[in-house]
C-alpha atoms as a PDB file:
ATOM      1  CA  MET A   1       4.060  -9.727 -26.528  1.00  0.00           C
ATOM      2  CA  PRO A   2       0.341  -9.995 -27.054  1.00  0.00           C
ATOM      3  CA  GLU A   3      -0.091 -11.455 -23.555  1.00  0.00           C
ATOM      4  CA  VAL A   4       1.278  -8.265 -22.007  1.00  0.00           C
ATOM      5  CA  GLU A   5      -1.058  -6.109 -24.091  1.00  0.00           C
ATOM      6  CA  ILE A   6      -3.982  -8.264 -22.980  1.00  0.00           C
ATOM      7  CA  TYR A   7      -2.855  -8.071 -19.342  1.00  0.00           C
ATOM      8  CA  LEU A   8      -2.632  -4.272 -19.427  1.00  0.00           C
ATOM      9  CA  PHE A   9      -6.041  -4.001 -21.059  1.00  0.00           C
ATOM     10  CA  GLU A  10      -7.552  -6.347 -18.448  1.00  0.00           C
ATOM     11  CA  LEU A  11      -5.788  -4.428 -15.684  1.00  0.00           C
ATOM     12  CA  ILE A  12      -7.804  -1.345 -16.574  1.00  0.00           C
ATOM     13  CA  GLU A  13     -11.051  -3.254 -16.049  1.00  0.00           C
ATOM     14  CA  LEU A  14      -9.771  -4.919 -12.884  1.00  0.00           C
ATOM     15  CA  LEU A  15      -8.705  -1.648 -11.279  1.00  0.00           C
ATOM     16  CA  TYR A  16     -12.024  -0.014 -12.084  1.00  0.00           C
ATOM     17  CA  SER A  17     -14.296  -2.943 -11.188  1.00  0.00           C
ATOM     18  CA  ASN A  18     -12.509  -3.519  -7.856  1.00  0.00           C
ATOM     19  CA  GLY A  19     -12.994   0.108  -6.894  1.00  0.00           C
ATOM     20  CA  TYR A  20      -9.398   1.307  -7.048  1.00  0.00           C
ATOM     21  CA  PHE A  21     -10.598   4.071  -9.344  1.00  0.00           C
ATOM     22  CA  SER A  22     -13.987   5.759  -9.502  1.00  0.00           C
ATOM     23  CA  PHE A  23     -13.997   6.203 -13.264  1.00  0.00           C
ATOM     24  CA  PRO A  24     -12.728   4.014 -16.124  1.00  0.00           C
ATOM     25  CA  ASP A  25     -10.706   6.927 -17.504  1.00  0.00           C
ATOM     26  CA  GLN A  26      -8.724   7.102 -14.256  1.00  0.00           C
ATOM     27  CA  ALA A  27      -7.830   3.420 -14.469  1.00  0.00           C
ATOM     28  CA  MET A  28      -6.936   3.836 -18.142  1.00  0.00           C
ATOM     29  CA  ASN A  29      -4.649   6.765 -17.341  1.00  0.00           C
ATOM     30  CA  TYR A  30      -2.952   4.788 -14.549  1.00  0.00           C
ATOM     31  CA  VAL A  31      -2.211   1.860 -16.870  1.00  0.00           C
ATOM     32  CA  PHE A  32      -1.138   4.226 -19.639  1.00  0.00           C
ATOM     33  CA  LYS A  33       1.485   5.675 -17.279  1.00  0.00           C
ATOM     34  CA  ILE A  34       2.815   2.189 -16.552  1.00  0.00           C
ATOM     35  CA  ARG A  35       3.106   1.457 -20.265  1.00  0.00           C
ATOM     36  CA  GLN A  36       4.639   4.835 -20.995  1.00  0.00           C
ATOM     37  CA  TYR A  37       7.252   4.298 -18.283  1.00  0.00           C
ATOM     38  CA  ILE A  38       8.121   0.881 -19.678  1.00  0.00           C
ATOM     39  CA  GLU A  39       8.508   2.177 -23.209  1.00  0.00           C
ATOM     40  CA  SER A  40      10.545   5.234 -22.257  1.00  0.00           C
ATOM     41  CA  SER A  41      12.753   3.642 -19.594  1.00  0.00           C
ATOM     42  CA  ILE A  42      13.434  -0.004 -20.384  1.00  0.00           C
ATOM     43  CA  ALA A  43      16.689   0.722 -22.226  1.00  0.00           C
ATOM     44  CA  THR A  44      18.140   2.971 -19.520  1.00  0.00           C
ATOM     45  CA  VAL A  45      16.629   1.998 -16.180  1.00  0.00           C
ATOM     46  CA  HIS A  46      18.605   0.012 -13.592  1.00  0.00           C
ATOM     47  CA  LYS A  47      17.816  -3.655 -14.179  1.00  0.00           C
ATOM     48  CA  ARG A  48      18.164  -6.507 -11.722  1.00  0.00           C
ATOM     49  CA  LYS A  49      18.372 -10.264 -12.151  1.00  0.00           C
ATOM     50  CA  ALA A  50      14.924 -11.793 -11.692  1.00  0.00           C
ATOM     51  CA  PRO A  51      14.401 -13.929  -8.572  1.00  0.00           C
ATOM     52  CA  ASP A  52      14.298 -17.687  -9.215  1.00  0.00           C
ATOM     53  CA  HIS A  53      10.548 -17.801  -8.541  1.00  0.00           C
ATOM     54  CA  PHE A  54       9.879 -16.061 -11.868  1.00  0.00           C
ATOM     55  CA  ILE A  55      11.793 -18.526 -14.074  1.00  0.00           C
ATOM     56  CA  LYS A  56       8.431 -19.972 -15.102  1.00  0.00           C
ATOM     57  CA  TYR A  57       8.008 -16.855 -17.278  1.00  0.00           C
ATOM     58  CA  GLY A  58      11.356 -17.242 -19.004  1.00  0.00           C
ATOM     59  CA  LYS A  59      15.049 -17.869 -18.518  1.00  0.00           C
ATOM     60  CA  ASN A  60      17.733 -15.218 -18.123  1.00  0.00           C
ATOM     61  CA  MET A  61      15.239 -12.574 -17.118  1.00  0.00           C
ATOM     62  CA  PHE A  62      15.740  -9.187 -15.580  1.00  0.00           C
ATOM     63  CA  TYR A  63      13.295  -6.817 -13.979  1.00  0.00           C
ATOM     64  CA  PHE A  64      12.944  -3.159 -13.117  1.00  0.00           C
ATOM     65  CA  ILE A  65      10.560  -1.305 -10.891  1.00  0.00           C
ATOM     66  CA  TYR A  66       7.985   1.368 -11.625  1.00  0.00           C
ATOM     67  CA  LYS A  67       6.852   3.108  -8.444  1.00  0.00           C
ATOM     68  CA  ALA A  68       3.286   4.152  -9.231  1.00  0.00           C
ATOM     69  CA  ASN A  69       2.600   5.743  -5.836  1.00  0.00           C
ATOM     70  CA  ALA A  70       3.527   5.457  -2.146  1.00  0.00           C
ATOM     71  CA  ASN A  71       1.780   2.090  -1.849  1.00  0.00           C
ATOM     72  CA  THR A  72       2.305   0.343  -5.162  1.00  0.00           C
ATOM     73  CA  SER A  73       5.389  -0.680  -7.100  1.00  0.00           C
ATOM     74  CA  TRP A  74       5.155  -2.565 -10.376  1.00  0.00           C
ATOM     75  CA  TYR A  75       7.779  -5.136 -11.359  1.00  0.00           C
ATOM     76  CA  ILE A  76       8.364  -5.489 -15.076  1.00  0.00           C
ATOM     77  CA  PHE A  77      10.155  -8.686 -16.141  1.00  0.00           C
ATOM     78  CA  PHE A  78      11.889  -8.935 -19.472  1.00  0.00           C
ATOM     79  CA  GLN A  79      14.478 -10.698 -21.568  1.00  0.00           C
ATOM     80  CA  GLN A  80      17.000  -8.779 -23.600  1.00  0.00           C
ATOM     81  CA  LYS A  81      18.863  -9.617 -26.788  1.00  0.00           C
ATOM     82  CA  ALA A  82      20.967  -6.736 -28.045  1.00  0.00           C
ATOM     83  CA  ASP A  83      18.584  -3.785 -28.322  1.00  0.00           C
ATOM     84  CA  ILE A  84      15.418  -5.901 -28.267  1.00  0.00           C
ATOM     85  CA  TYR A  85      13.411  -6.187 -25.061  1.00  0.00           C
ATOM     86  CA  LEU A  86      10.722  -8.807 -24.598  1.00  0.00           C
ATOM     87  CA  ILE A  87       8.348  -8.129 -21.708  1.00  0.00           C
ATOM     88  CA  ARG A  88       7.484 -11.489 -20.168  1.00  0.00           C
ATOM     89  CA  TYR A  89       5.524 -10.648 -17.018  1.00  0.00           C
ATOM     90  CA  ILE A  90       4.237  -7.741 -14.948  1.00  0.00           C
ATOM     91  CA  THR A  91       3.239  -7.899 -11.293  1.00  0.00           C
ATOM     92  CA  ASN A  92       3.121  -5.610  -8.278  1.00  0.00           C
ATOM     93  CA  ASN A  93       4.254  -5.572  -4.667  1.00  0.00           C
ATOM     94  CA  HIS A  94       0.760  -6.434  -3.393  1.00  0.00           C
ATOM     95  CA  ILE A  95       0.920  -9.759  -5.219  1.00  0.00           C
ATOM     96  CA  SER A  96       4.605 -10.673  -5.324  1.00  0.00           C
ATOM     97  CA  ALA A  97       6.495  -8.805  -2.590  1.00  0.00           C
ATOM     98  CA  GLN A  98       7.401 -12.034  -0.802  1.00  0.00           C
ATOM     99  CA  TYR A  99       9.632 -13.076  -3.726  1.00  0.00           C
ATOM    100  CA  PHE A 100      11.870 -10.020  -3.475  1.00  0.00           C
ATOM    101  CA  VAL A 101      13.599 -10.767  -0.178  1.00  0.00           C
END
């Protein structure tokens, strides 16, 4: 989805401008690893039913987790039809942990 591409691109700028990384290339590499994990794992990773809070991003959604480091886990929400996966939303534990109780 174009919205996900835009989000990932903006995430690079956000991570760098908020001081999470000292150099833009570091932020770019971090986001690249998220994307690479999604692309290489979505078909095989353990998926879970999305909590009700996230229905605003789509019905019948699932999610899986990418553990970026000891402090941050990313939640990737998607819909699946046969072998087609549509990424609907991406968030992390710093923003959305309260919805995964």
